[in-house]
Amino acid sequence: MKISRLDHFTLRTPKLEQTTTFFEQVVGLQTGPRPSFRFDGRWMYWGDWAALHLIEDKPDDTHLLAYLGTRDTSGTALAGPLDHIAFRCTDLPAFEARLRRLGVGYRARTVPDLGEHQVFVLEPNGITVEFIFSTAEMASWVGHAEYAPSPAVAGDSM
């Protein structure tokens, strides 16, 4: 077997509308075509790539249970061993401005050995989403030691 690329990731959520809004407004994904499954959900696109599949988790939805089985989507059990989802990005200043405009808190770091700025945001289900930018881009924070907290990052809620 040879893996050619990541196809998609799926989140089951009791907060379908809030999760859709987060990935539209913060990440910039667009809701697009989805097969006519007999349970509710959204497919979120980056261009023509359906990167994220959202499924509305309803414990009494017999169609969902028959198709995917049961899953505990409460609290931290949602992420299980999943630590975070990461997107490689460009235009850090515009992204930080968007987060400030939306009032979304975040943690920011710089990884000196990799030449990367990292911005971590919590989505409505408690999953951390990481946005990775080149250190060639201007960041609002001053360089830090690896893993050091970013001082006074606007709206830091993590």
C-alpha atoms as a PDB file:
ATOM      1  CA  MET A   1       0.000   0.000   0.000  1.00  0.00           C
ATOM      2  CA  LYS A   2       1.125   3.531  -0.763  1.00  0.00           C
ATOM      3  CA  ILE A   3      -0.613   6.517   0.809  1.00  0.00           C
ATOM      4  CA  SER A   4      -0.981   9.393  -1.630  1.00  0.00           C
ATOM      5  CA  ARG A   5      -2.592  12.042   0.631  1.00  0.00           C
ATOM      6  CA  LEU A   6      -4.940  12.640   3.543  1.00  0.00           C
ATOM      7  CA  ASP A   7      -8.474  12.457   2.180  1.00  0.00           C
ATOM      8  CA  HIS A   8     -10.533  13.987   5.005  1.00  0.00           C
ATOM      9  CA  PHE A   9     -11.200  13.977   8.719  1.00  0.00           C
ATOM     10  CA  THR A  10     -14.616  13.555  10.321  1.00  0.00           C
ATOM     11  CA  LEU A  11     -16.034  15.144  13.460  1.00  0.00           C
ATOM     12  CA  ARG A  12     -19.212  13.863  15.079  1.00  0.00           C
ATOM     13  CA  THR A  13     -20.776  16.680  17.017  1.00  0.00           C
ATOM     14  CA  PRO A  14     -23.972  17.540  18.873  1.00  0.00           C
ATOM     15  CA  LYS A  15     -23.088  21.176  17.941  1.00  0.00           C
ATOM     16  CA  LEU A  16     -23.413  20.977  14.155  1.00  0.00           C
ATOM     17  CA  GLU A  17     -24.308  24.628  13.499  1.00  0.00           C
ATOM     18  CA  GLN A  18     -21.647  26.080  15.849  1.00  0.00           C
ATOM     19  CA  THR A  19     -19.003  23.723  14.443  1.00  0.00           C
ATOM     20  CA  THR A  20     -19.967  24.611  10.857  1.00  0.00           C
ATOM     21  CA  THR A  21     -19.753  28.323  11.679  1.00  0.00           C
ATOM     22  CA  PHE A  22     -16.330  27.894  13.318  1.00  0.00           C
ATOM     23  CA  PHE A  23     -14.825  26.108  10.318  1.00  0.00           C
ATOM     24  CA  GLU A  24     -16.391  28.636   7.918  1.00  0.00           C
ATOM     25  CA  GLN A  25     -15.435  31.796   9.814  1.00  0.00           C
ATOM     26  CA  VAL A  26     -12.144  30.837  11.461  1.00  0.00           C
ATOM     27  CA  VAL A  27     -10.667  28.292   9.054  1.00  0.00           C
ATOM     28  CA  GLY A  28     -12.236  29.564   5.830  1.00  0.00           C
ATOM     29  CA  LEU A  29     -13.742  26.259   4.696  1.00  0.00           C
ATOM     30  CA  GLN A  30     -16.967  26.367   2.666  1.00  0.00           C
ATOM     31  CA  THR A  31     -20.000  24.113   3.030  1.00  0.00           C
ATOM     32  CA  GLY A  32     -20.507  22.144  -0.172  1.00  0.00           C
ATOM     33  CA  PRO A  33     -22.103  19.092  -1.748  1.00  0.00           C
ATOM     34  CA  ARG A  34     -22.610  16.014   0.406  1.00  0.00           C
ATOM     35  CA  PRO A  35     -24.025  12.592  -0.464  1.00  0.00           C
ATOM     36  CA  SER A  36     -27.654  12.044   0.495  1.00  0.00           C
ATOM     37  CA  PHE A  37     -26.969  10.172   3.711  1.00  0.00           C
ATOM     38  CA  ARG A  38     -30.039   9.530   5.861  1.00  0.00           C
ATOM     39  CA  PHE A  39     -28.513  11.486   8.785  1.00  0.00           C
ATOM     40  CA  ASP A  40     -27.598  15.170   9.034  1.00  0.00           C
ATOM     41  CA  GLY A  41     -24.150  16.590   8.479  1.00  0.00           C
ATOM     42  CA  ARG A  42     -22.022  18.940   6.374  1.00  0.00           C
ATOM     43  CA  TRP A  43     -19.049  18.514   4.088  1.00  0.00           C
ATOM     44  CA  MET A  44     -16.622  21.413   4.391  1.00  0.00           C
ATOM     45  CA  TYR A  45     -14.444  22.244   1.392  1.00  0.00           C
ATOM     46  CA  TRP A  46     -11.147  23.970   0.706  1.00  0.00           C
ATOM     47  CA  GLY A  47     -11.494  24.610  -3.007  1.00  0.00           C
ATOM     48  CA  ASP A  48     -12.607  21.294  -4.481  1.00  0.00           C
ATOM     49  CA  TRP A  49     -11.259  19.214  -1.558  1.00  0.00           C
ATOM     50  CA  ALA A  50     -13.874  18.025   0.973  1.00  0.00           C
ATOM     51  CA  ALA A  51     -11.344  18.189   3.826  1.00  0.00           C
ATOM     52  CA  LEU A  52     -13.795  17.960   6.729  1.00  0.00           C
ATOM     53  CA  HIS A  53     -16.922  15.859   7.129  1.00  0.00           C
ATOM     54  CA  LEU A  54     -19.199  16.953   9.975  1.00  0.00           C
ATOM     55  CA  ILE A  55     -21.852  14.603  11.311  1.00  0.00           C
ATOM     56  CA  GLU A  56     -24.611  15.739  13.645  1.00  0.00           C
ATOM     57  CA  ASP A  57     -24.525  13.361  16.579  1.00  0.00           C
ATOM     58  CA  LYS A  58     -28.028  12.448  17.752  1.00  0.00           C
ATOM     59  CA  PRO A  59     -28.111   9.435  20.091  1.00  0.00           C
ATOM     60  CA  ASP A  60     -31.568   8.410  18.839  1.00  0.00           C
ATOM     61  CA  ASP A  61     -30.808   8.706  15.088  1.00  0.00           C
ATOM     62  CA  THR A  62     -31.268   5.109  13.913  1.00  0.00           C
ATOM     63  CA  HIS A  63     -29.830   5.869  10.459  1.00  0.00           C
ATOM     64  CA  LEU A  64     -26.621   7.297  11.941  1.00  0.00           C
ATOM     65  CA  LEU A  65     -26.293   4.404  14.379  1.00  0.00           C
ATOM     66  CA  ALA A  66     -26.786   1.854  11.589  1.00  0.00           C
ATOM     67  CA  TYR A  67     -24.192   3.553   9.369  1.00  0.00           C
ATOM     68  CA  LEU A  68     -21.466   4.535  11.869  1.00  0.00           C
ATOM     69  CA  GLY A  69     -22.388   3.001  15.222  1.00  0.00           C
ATOM     70  CA  THR A  70     -22.290   4.768  18.567  1.00  0.00           C
ATOM     71  CA  ARG A  71     -19.693   7.281  19.731  1.00  0.00           C
ATOM     72  CA  ASP A  72     -19.355   9.278  22.968  1.00  0.00           C
ATOM     73  CA  THR A  73     -19.234  12.925  21.862  1.00  0.00           C
ATOM     74  CA  SER A  74     -19.483  14.442  25.331  1.00  0.00           C
ATOM     75  CA  GLY A  75     -16.706  16.526  26.846  1.00  0.00           C
ATOM     76  CA  THR A  76     -13.116  15.377  26.466  1.00  0.00           C
ATOM     77  CA  ALA A  77     -14.184  11.918  25.326  1.00  0.00           C
ATOM     78  CA  LEU A  78     -14.816  13.507  21.912  1.00  0.00           C
ATOM     79  CA  ALA A  79     -11.127  13.915  21.183  1.00  0.00           C
ATOM     80  CA  GLY A  80     -10.040  10.680  22.864  1.00  0.00           C
ATOM     81  CA  PRO A  81      -6.359  10.330  22.026  1.00  0.00           C
ATOM     82  CA  LEU A  82      -6.616  13.002  19.292  1.00  0.00           C
ATOM     83  CA  ASP A  83      -4.498  15.979  20.362  1.00  0.00           C
ATOM     84  CA  HIS A  84      -5.091  18.389  17.488  1.00  0.00           C
ATOM     85  CA  ILE A  85      -5.783  18.927  13.796  1.00  0.00           C
ATOM     86  CA  ALA A  86      -3.298  21.082  11.848  1.00  0.00           C
ATOM     87  CA  PHE A  87      -3.499  23.189   8.697  1.00  0.00           C
ATOM     88  CA  ARG A  88      -0.462  24.639   6.894  1.00  0.00           C
ATOM     89  CA  CYS A  89      -1.337  28.251   6.046  1.00  0.00           C
ATOM     90  CA  THR A  90      -0.192  31.611   4.682  1.00  0.00           C
ATOM     91  CA  ASP A  91      -1.018  35.241   5.599  1.00  0.00           C
ATOM     92  CA  LEU A  92      -0.625  35.166   9.372  1.00  0.00           C
ATOM     93  CA  PRO A  93      -1.383  38.892   9.867  1.00  0.00           C
ATOM     94  CA  ALA A  94      -4.771  38.522   8.159  1.00  0.00           C
ATOM     95  CA  PHE A  95      -5.523  35.381  10.173  1.00  0.00           C
ATOM     96  CA  GLU A  96      -4.704  37.090  13.480  1.00  0.00           C
ATOM     97  CA  ALA A  97      -6.885  40.043  12.451  1.00  0.00           C
ATOM     98  CA  ARG A  98      -9.750  37.620  11.680  1.00  0.00           C
ATOM     99  CA  LEU A  99      -9.426  35.965  15.088  1.00  0.00           C
ATOM    100  CA  ARG A 100      -9.469  39.364  16.828  1.00  0.00           C
ATOM    101  CA  ARG A 101     -12.489  40.483  14.774  1.00  0.00           C
ATOM    102  CA  LEU A 102     -14.359  37.276  15.679  1.00  0.00           C
ATOM    103  CA  GLY A 103     -13.286  37.483  19.345  1.00  0.00           C
ATOM    104  CA  VAL A 104     -11.706  34.018  19.136  1.00  0.00           C
ATOM    105  CA  GLY A 105      -8.980  33.310  21.687  1.00  0.00           C
ATOM    106  CA  TYR A 106      -5.764  31.574  20.720  1.00  0.00           C
ATOM    107  CA  ARG A 107      -2.298  30.521  21.829  1.00  0.00           C
ATOM    108  CA  ALA A 108       0.689  31.386  19.664  1.00  0.00           C
ATOM    109  CA  ARG A 109       4.165  29.873  19.533  1.00  0.00           C
ATOM    110  CA  THR A 110       7.259  29.982  17.367  1.00  0.00           C
ATOM    111  CA  VAL A 111       9.257  26.807  16.761  1.00  0.00           C
ATOM    112  CA  PRO A 112      12.754  28.098  16.002  1.00  0.00           C
ATOM    113  CA  ASP A 113      14.276  24.886  14.669  1.00  0.00           C
ATOM    114  CA  LEU A 114      11.436  24.424  12.166  1.00  0.00           C
ATOM    115  CA  GLY A 115      10.948  28.050  11.143  1.00  0.00           C
ATOM    116  CA  GLU A 116       7.253  27.861  12.010  1.00  0.00           C
ATOM    117  CA  HIS A 117       4.743  30.048  13.798  1.00  0.00           C
ATOM    118  CA  GLN A 118       1.927  28.042  15.370  1.00  0.00           C
ATOM    119  CA  VAL A 119      -1.505  29.383  16.296  1.00  0.00           C
ATOM    120  CA  PHE A 120      -3.754  27.093  18.367  1.00  0.00           C
ATOM    121  CA  VAL A 121      -7.534  27.620  18.573  1.00  0.00           C
ATOM    122  CA  LEU A 122     -10.246  25.563  20.308  1.00  0.00           C
ATOM    123  CA  GLU A 123     -13.252  24.704  18.136  1.00  0.00           C
ATOM    124  CA  PRO A 124     -16.765  24.394  19.681  1.00  0.00           C
ATOM    125  CA  ASN A 125     -16.359  20.700  20.585  1.00  0.00           C
ATOM    126  CA  GLY A 126     -13.090  21.255  22.478  1.00  0.00           C
ATOM    127  CA  ILE A 127     -10.737  20.008  19.750  1.00  0.00           C
ATOM    128  CA  THR A 128      -7.577  22.049  19.235  1.00  0.00           C
ATOM    129  CA  VAL A 129      -6.970  23.253  15.678  1.00  0.00           C
ATOM    130  CA  GLU A 130      -3.405  24.312  14.818  1.00  0.00           C
ATOM    131  CA  PHE A 131      -2.561  26.767  12.048  1.00  0.00           C
ATOM    132  CA  ILE A 132       1.088  26.664  10.891  1.00  0.00           C
ATOM    133  CA  PHE A 133       2.757  29.646   9.202  1.00  0.00           C
ATOM    134  CA  SER A 134       6.318  30.281   8.049  1.00  0.00           C
ATOM    135  CA  THR A 135       8.462  32.448  10.315  1.00  0.00           C
ATOM    136  CA  ALA A 136       9.109  34.531   7.176  1.00  0.00           C
ATOM    137  CA  GLU A 137       5.666  36.006   7.960  1.00  0.00           C
ATOM    138  CA  MET A 138       5.233  38.781  10.528  1.00  0.00           C
ATOM    139  CA  ALA A 139       3.715  37.636  13.840  1.00  0.00           C
ATOM    140  CA  SER A 140       2.179  39.886  16.495  1.00  0.00           C
ATOM    141  CA  TRP A 141       4.202  38.212  19.238  1.00  0.00           C
ATOM    142  CA  VAL A 142       7.909  38.442  19.915  1.00  0.00           C
ATOM    143  CA  GLY A 143       9.969  35.266  19.453  1.00  0.00           C
ATOM    144  CA  HIS A 144       9.812  32.934  22.444  1.00  0.00           C
ATOM    145  CA  ALA A 145      11.677  29.975  23.709  1.00  0.00           C
ATOM    146  CA  GLU A 146      10.118  26.774  22.408  1.00  0.00           C
ATOM    147  CA  TYR A 147       6.915  25.898  24.310  1.00  0.00           C
ATOM    148  CA  ALA A 148       6.914  29.197  26.226  1.00  0.00           C
ATOM    149  CA  PRO A 149       3.489  30.820  26.542  1.00  0.00           C
ATOM    150  CA  SER A 150       2.917  33.813  24.311  1.00  0.00           C
ATOM    151  CA  PRO A 151       2.546  36.919  26.476  1.00  0.00           C
ATOM    152  CA  ALA A 152      -0.536  39.105  26.020  1.00  0.00           C
ATOM    153  CA  VAL A 153      -1.932  37.422  22.913  1.00  0.00           C
ATOM    154  CA  ALA A 154      -5.343  38.973  22.333  1.00  0.00           C
ATOM    155  CA  GLY A 155      -8.227  36.795  23.435  1.00  0.00           C
ATOM    156  CA  ASP A 156      -6.020  33.984  24.764  1.00  0.00           C
ATOM    157  CA  SER A 157      -8.572  31.493  26.056  1.00  0.00           C
ATOM    158  CA  MET A 158      -6.607  28.290  26.070  1.00  0.00           C
END
